[in-house]
PDB file of N, CA and C in Angstrom:
ATOM      1  N   MET A   1      32.384  46.359 -30.919  1.00  0.00           N
ATOM      2  CA  MET A   1      32.472  45.349 -29.372  1.00  0.00           C
ATOM      3  C   MET A   1      32.940  45.901 -28.393  1.00  0.00           C
ATOM      4  N   ALA A   2      31.806  45.179 -27.891  1.00  0.00           N
ATOM      5  CA  ALA A   2      31.976  45.459 -26.121  1.00  0.00           C
ATOM      6  C   ALA A   2      33.753  44.543 -25.622  1.00  0.00           C
ATOM      7  N   GLU A   3      35.034  44.789 -24.960  1.00  0.00           N
ATOM      8  CA  GLU A   3      35.376  43.935 -24.657  1.00  0.00           C
ATOM      9  C   GLU A   3      34.702  43.151 -22.845  1.00  0.00           C
ATOM     10  N   MET A   4      35.425  42.039 -23.769  1.00  0.00           N
ATOM     11  CA  MET A   4      34.081  40.760 -22.381  1.00  0.00           C
ATOM     12  C   MET A   4      35.478  41.415 -20.590  1.00  0.00           C
ATOM     13  N   ASP A   5      34.315  40.932 -19.748  1.00  0.00           N
ATOM     14  CA  ASP A   5      35.337  41.797 -18.460  1.00  0.00           C
ATOM     15  C   ASP A   5      36.421  40.345 -18.438  1.00  0.00           C
ATOM     16  N   VAL A   6      37.018  40.304 -17.190  1.00  0.00           N
ATOM     17  CA  VAL A   6      38.072  38.877 -17.243  1.00  0.00           C
ATOM     18  C   VAL A   6      36.672  38.026 -16.712  1.00  0.00           C
ATOM     19  N   ARG A   7      36.332  39.040 -15.052  1.00  0.00           N
ATOM     20  CA  ARG A   7      35.261  37.567 -14.814  1.00  0.00           C
ATOM     21  C   ARG A   7      34.123  36.764 -15.688  1.00  0.00           C
ATOM     22  N   ASP A   8      33.385  37.356 -16.296  1.00  0.00           N
ATOM     23  CA  ASP A   8      32.984  37.154 -17.788  1.00  0.00           C
ATOM     24  C   ASP A   8      33.754  35.754 -18.834  1.00  0.00           C
ATOM     25  N   CYS A   9      35.324  35.893 -18.997  1.00  0.00           N
ATOM     26  CA  CYS A   9      35.890  35.414 -19.409  1.00  0.00           C
ATOM     27  C   CYS A   9      35.436  34.760 -18.722  1.00  0.00           C
ATOM     28  N   ARG A  10      36.438  34.489 -17.688  1.00  0.00           N
ATOM     29  CA  ARG A  10      36.987  33.094 -16.201  1.00  0.00           C
ATOM     30  C   ARG A  10      35.655  32.263 -16.480  1.00  0.00           C
ATOM     31  N   ALA A  11      34.529  32.968 -16.627  1.00  0.00           N
ATOM     32  CA  ALA A  11      33.587  31.988 -16.756  1.00  0.00           C
ATOM     33  C   ALA A  11      33.620  31.274 -18.117  1.00  0.00           C
ATOM     34  N   ALA A  12      32.654  32.133 -18.939  1.00  0.00           N
ATOM     35  CA  ALA A  12      33.068  31.001 -20.189  1.00  0.00           C
ATOM     36  C   ALA A  12      34.166  30.391 -20.206  1.00  0.00           C
ATOM     37  N   LEU A  13      35.338  30.026 -19.931  1.00  0.00           N
ATOM     38  CA  LEU A  13      36.373  29.583 -19.925  1.00  0.00           C
ATOM     39  C   LEU A  13      36.245  28.191 -18.488  1.00  0.00           C
ATOM     40  N   ARG A  14      35.923  28.266 -17.875  1.00  0.00           N
ATOM     41  CA  ARG A  14      35.054  26.802 -16.822  1.00  0.00           C
ATOM     42  C   ARG A  14      33.891  26.084 -17.692  1.00  0.00           C
ATOM     43  N   LEU A  15      33.164  27.648 -18.530  1.00  0.00           N
ATOM     44  CA  LEU A  15      32.503  26.211 -18.779  1.00  0.00           C
ATOM     45  C   LEU A  15      32.523  25.554 -19.755  1.00  0.00           C
ATOM     46  N   VAL A  16      33.717  25.598 -20.623  1.00  0.00           N
ATOM     47  CA  VAL A  16      33.946  25.007 -21.739  1.00  0.00           C
ATOM     48  C   VAL A  16      35.164  24.198 -21.673  1.00  0.00           C
ATOM     49  N   ARG A  17      35.929  24.890 -19.733  1.00  0.00           N
ATOM     50  CA  ARG A  17      36.502  23.352 -19.299  1.00  0.00           C
ATOM     51  C   ARG A  17      35.821  21.408 -18.348  1.00  0.00           C
ATOM     52  N   MET A  18      34.035  22.366 -17.473  1.00  0.00           N
ATOM     53  CA  MET A  18      33.461  21.676 -17.542  1.00  0.00           C
ATOM     54  C   MET A  18      33.234  20.680 -19.174  1.00  0.00           C
ATOM     55  N   ALA A  19      32.489  21.287 -19.681  1.00  0.00           N
ATOM     56  CA  ALA A  19      31.980  20.269 -21.014  1.00  0.00           C
ATOM     57  C   ALA A  19      33.309  19.227 -20.808  1.00  0.00           C
ATOM     58  N   ILE A  20      34.418  20.013 -21.328  1.00  0.00           N
ATOM     59  CA  ILE A  20      35.903  18.703 -21.840  1.00  0.00           C
ATOM     60  C   ILE A  20      35.978  17.752 -20.558  1.00  0.00           C
ATOM     61  N   GLU A  21      36.238  18.486 -18.986  1.00  0.00           N
ATOM     62  CA  GLU A  21      35.652  17.364 -18.529  1.00  0.00           C
ATOM     63  C   GLU A  21      34.595  16.582 -18.717  1.00  0.00           C
ATOM     64  N   GLN A  22      34.261  16.333 -18.951  1.00  0.00           N
ATOM     65  CA  GLN A  22      32.680  15.723 -18.686  1.00  0.00           C
ATOM     66  C   GLN A  22      33.213  14.955 -19.921  1.00  0.00           C
ATOM     67  N   THR A  23      33.643  15.329 -21.393  1.00  0.00           N
ATOM     68  CA  THR A  23      33.102  14.023 -22.525  1.00  0.00           C
ATOM     69  C   THR A  23      34.239  14.495 -23.040  1.00  0.00           C
ATOM     70  N   CYS A  24      35.118  14.318 -22.045  1.00  0.00           N
ATOM     71  CA  CYS A  24      37.290  14.229 -23.733  1.00  0.00           C
ATOM     72  C   CYS A  24      37.549  12.776 -23.036  1.00  0.00           C
ATOM     73  N   PRO A  25      38.372  12.251 -22.909  1.00  0.00           N
ATOM     74  CA  PRO A  25      39.077  11.070 -22.169  1.00  0.00           C
ATOM     75  C   PRO A  25      40.168  12.092 -20.706  1.00  0.00           C
ATOM     76  N   ALA A  26      40.146  11.031 -20.337  1.00  0.00           N
ATOM     77  CA  ALA A  26      40.820  11.935 -19.089  1.00  0.00           C
ATOM     78  C   ALA A  26      41.968  12.083 -19.718  1.00  0.00           C
ATOM     79  N   GLY A  27      42.946  12.647 -18.504  1.00  0.00           N
ATOM     80  CA  GLY A  27      44.273  13.537 -19.743  1.00  0.00           C
ATOM     81  C   GLY A  27      44.747  13.962 -20.228  1.00  0.00           C
ATOM     82  N   VAL A  28      43.636  14.561 -20.440  1.00  0.00           N
ATOM     83  CA  VAL A  28      43.960  14.928 -22.155  1.00  0.00           C
ATOM     84  C   VAL A  28      43.390  17.114 -21.513  1.00  0.00           C
ATOM     85  N   LEU A  29      42.927  17.163 -19.731  1.00  0.00           N
ATOM     86  CA  LEU A  29      43.415  18.425 -19.893  1.00  0.00           C
ATOM     87  C   LEU A  29      44.297  18.526 -18.052  1.00  0.00           C
ATOM     88  N   PRO A  30      45.130  19.266 -17.786  1.00  0.00           N
ATOM     89  CA  PRO A  30      45.720  19.549 -16.772  1.00  0.00           C
ATOM     90  C   PRO A  30      44.391  20.270 -16.033  1.00  0.00           C
ATOM     91  N   SER A  31      44.542  19.828 -14.686  1.00  0.00           N
ATOM     92  CA  SER A  31      44.240  20.405 -13.928  1.00  0.00           C
ATOM     93  C   SER A  31      43.812  22.218 -13.581  1.00  0.00           C
ATOM     94  N   GLU A  32      43.240  22.095 -13.391  1.00  0.00           N
ATOM     95  CA  GLU A  32      43.402  24.157 -13.041  1.00  0.00           C
ATOM     96  C   GLU A  32      44.907  24.799 -12.602  1.00  0.00           C
ATOM     97  N   GLU A  33      45.133  23.477 -11.447  1.00  0.00           N
ATOM     98  CA  GLU A  33      46.607  24.170 -10.885  1.00  0.00           C
ATOM     99  C   GLU A  33      47.821  23.798 -11.435  1.00  0.00           C
ATOM    100  N   ALA A  34      47.838  23.040 -12.410  1.00  0.00           N
ATOM    101  CA  ALA A  34      48.879  22.353 -13.286  1.00  0.00           C
ATOM    102  C   ALA A  34      48.294  23.209 -14.027  1.00  0.00           C
ATOM    103  N   VAL A  35      47.491  24.469 -15.048  1.00  0.00           N
ATOM    104  CA  VAL A  35      47.463  24.943 -15.971  1.00  0.00           C
ATOM    105  C   VAL A  35      48.693  26.208 -15.666  1.00  0.00           C
ATOM    106  N   LEU A  36      48.073  27.093 -14.142  1.00  0.00           N
ATOM    107  CA  LEU A  36      48.766  27.401 -14.073  1.00  0.00           C
ATOM    108  C   LEU A  36      50.132  28.216 -14.111  1.00  0.00           C
ATOM    109  N   LEU A  37      50.999  26.665 -13.266  1.00  0.00           N
ATOM    110  CA  LEU A  37      52.098  26.149 -13.362  1.00  0.00           C
ATOM    111  C   LEU A  37      52.925  26.161 -14.354  1.00  0.00           C
ATOM    112  N   LEU A  38      52.516  25.053 -15.165  1.00  0.00           N
ATOM    113  CA  LEU A  38      52.792  25.597 -16.659  1.00  0.00           C
ATOM    114  C   LEU A  38      52.582  25.944 -17.850  1.00  0.00           C
ATOM    115  N   TYR A  39      51.060  27.132 -17.108  1.00  0.00           N
ATOM    116  CA  TYR A  39      50.802  28.099 -18.975  1.00  0.00           C
ATOM    117  C   TYR A  39      50.949  29.163 -18.248  1.00  0.00           C
ATOM    118  N   GLY A  40      49.859  29.607 -17.035  1.00  0.00           N
ATOM    119  CA  GLY A  40      50.203  30.922 -15.967  1.00  0.00           C
ATOM    120  C   GLY A  40      48.838  31.238 -15.861  1.00  0.00           C
ATOM    121  N   PRO A  41      48.370  32.084 -15.405  1.00  0.00           N
ATOM    122  CA  PRO A  41      47.153  32.504 -14.735  1.00  0.00           C
ATOM    123  C   PRO A  41      46.190  33.326 -15.825  1.00  0.00           C
ATOM    124  N   ALA A  42      47.002  34.296 -16.347  1.00  0.00           N
ATOM    125  CA  ALA A  42      45.684  34.854 -17.617  1.00  0.00           C
ATOM    126  C   ALA A  42      44.917  34.006 -17.601  1.00  0.00           C
ATOM    127  N   PRO A  43      43.811  34.314 -18.532  1.00  0.00           N
ATOM    128  CA  PRO A  43      42.121  33.398 -19.549  1.00  0.00           C
ATOM    129  C   PRO A  43      42.727  32.926 -19.713  1.00  0.00           C
ATOM    130  N   ILE A  44      43.716  33.751 -21.791  1.00  0.00           N
ATOM    131  CA  ILE A  44      44.621  33.205 -22.196  1.00  0.00           C
ATOM    132  C   ILE A  44      45.108  32.535 -22.151  1.00  0.00           C
ATOM    133  N   ASP A  45      46.245  32.108 -20.813  1.00  0.00           N
ATOM    134  CA  ASP A  45      46.399  30.502 -20.464  1.00  0.00           C
ATOM    135  C   ASP A  45      45.126  29.140 -20.233  1.00  0.00           C
ATOM    136  N   GLU A  46      45.153  30.200 -19.240  1.00  0.00           N
ATOM    137  CA  GLU A  46      43.486  28.579 -19.477  1.00  0.00           C
ATOM    138  C   GLU A  46      42.944  29.041 -20.879  1.00  0.00           C
ATOM    139  N   ALA A  47      42.888  29.211 -21.878  1.00  0.00           N
ATOM    140  CA  ALA A  47      42.030  28.956 -23.191  1.00  0.00           C
ATOM    141  C   ALA A  47      43.014  28.084 -23.728  1.00  0.00           C
ATOM    142  N   GLU A  48      44.211  28.526 -23.582  1.00  0.00           N
ATOM    143  CA  GLU A  48      45.709  27.553 -24.818  1.00  0.00           C
ATOM    144  C   GLU A  48      45.525  26.210 -24.445  1.00  0.00           C
ATOM    145  N   ALA A  49      45.498  26.045 -22.688  1.00  0.00           N
ATOM    146  CA  ALA A  49      45.289  24.844 -22.729  1.00  0.00           C
ATOM    147  C   ALA A  49      43.933  24.200 -22.370  1.00  0.00           C
ATOM    148  N   LEU A  50      42.979  24.633 -22.720  1.00  0.00           N
ATOM    149  CA  LEU A  50      41.853  23.810 -22.759  1.00  0.00           C
ATOM    150  C   LEU A  50      41.801  23.213 -25.139  1.00  0.00           C
ATOM    151  N   ALA A  51      42.230  24.856 -25.858  1.00  0.00           N
ATOM    152  CA  ALA A  51      42.651  24.006 -27.017  1.00  0.00           C
ATOM    153  C   ALA A  51      43.278  23.201 -27.921  1.00  0.00           C
ATOM    154  N   LYS A  52      44.211  22.993 -26.856  1.00  0.00           N
ATOM    155  CA  LYS A  52      45.169  21.629 -26.575  1.00  0.00           C
ATOM    156  C   LYS A  52      44.813  20.355 -26.598  1.00  0.00           C
ATOM    157  N   ALA A  53      43.725  20.635 -24.958  1.00  0.00           N
ATOM    158  CA  ALA A  53      42.451  18.668 -24.661  1.00  0.00           C
ATOM    159  C   ALA A  53      42.022  18.461 -25.630  1.00  0.00           C
ATOM    160  N   ILE A  54      40.964  20.036 -26.251  1.00  0.00           N
ATOM    161  CA  ILE A  54      40.358  20.237 -27.435  1.00  0.00           C
ATOM    162  C   ILE A  54      41.000  19.318 -28.905  1.00  0.00           C
ATOM    163  N   ILE A  55      42.272  19.888 -29.079  1.00  0.00           N
ATOM    164  CA  ILE A  55      42.499  19.157 -30.308  1.00  0.00           C
ATOM    165  C   ILE A  55      43.128  17.788 -29.990  1.00  0.00           C
ATOM    166  N   ALA A  56      43.797  17.644 -28.748  1.00  0.00           N
ATOM    167  CA  ALA A  56      44.525  15.663 -28.152  1.00  0.00           C
ATOM    168  C   ALA A  56      42.810  15.092 -29.062  1.00  0.00           C
ATOM    169  N   THR A  57      42.441  15.649 -28.209  1.00  0.00           N
ATOM    170  CA  THR A  57      40.603  14.771 -27.914  1.00  0.00           C
ATOM    171  C   THR A  57      40.213  14.353 -29.966  1.00  0.00           C
ATOM    172  N   VAL A  58      40.791  15.038 -30.455  1.00  0.00           N
ATOM    173  CA  VAL A  58      39.999  14.937 -32.575  1.00  0.00           C
ATOM    174  C   VAL A  58      41.374  14.410 -32.659  1.00  0.00           C
ATOM    175  N   GLU A  59      42.997  14.459 -32.272  1.00  0.00           N
ATOM    176  CA  GLU A  59      43.236  13.098 -33.097  1.00  0.00           C
ATOM    177  C   GLU A  59      43.781  12.687 -32.005  1.00  0.00           C
ATOM    178  N   ARG A  60      42.735  11.862 -31.011  1.00  0.00           N
ATOM    179  CA  ARG A  60      42.498  10.137 -30.216  1.00  0.00           C
ATOM    180  C   ARG A  60      41.463   9.352 -30.807  1.00  0.00           C
ATOM    181  N   LEU A  61      40.475   9.968 -31.499  1.00  0.00           N
ATOM    182  CA  LEU A  61      39.335  10.153 -31.917  1.00  0.00           C
ATOM    183  C   LEU A  61      39.359  10.112 -33.477  1.00  0.00           C
ATOM    184  N   SER A  62      40.510  10.599 -34.090  1.00  0.00           N
ATOM    185  CA  SER A  62      41.329  10.488 -35.664  1.00  0.00           C
ATOM    186  C   SER A  62      41.085   9.313 -36.120  1.00  0.00           C
ATOM    187  N   ARG A  63      42.260   8.373 -35.132  1.00  0.00           N
ATOM    188  CA  ARG A  63      43.248   7.561 -34.716  1.00  0.00           C
ATOM    189  C   ARG A  63      42.657   6.058 -34.595  1.00  0.00           C
ATOM    190  N   THR A  64      40.812   6.126 -34.295  1.00  0.00           N
ATOM    191  CA  THR A  64      40.535   5.027 -34.387  1.00  0.00           C
ATOM    192  C   THR A  64      38.730   4.623 -35.361  1.00  0.00           C
TER     193      THR A  64
END
């Protein structure tokens, strides 16, 4: 399997971020600027923030 280009990774992560922002509760996903400060600048850092937002959403929905 061919490696993804960093630009492709960032584009895919932007799409996931957009979906999370449109469907998940407010506050589960830090802004892109906050992710840079809290996690770091690499695509894997954005992916970690997105994964945590998804997990937080599932946990909230499981409680209700």
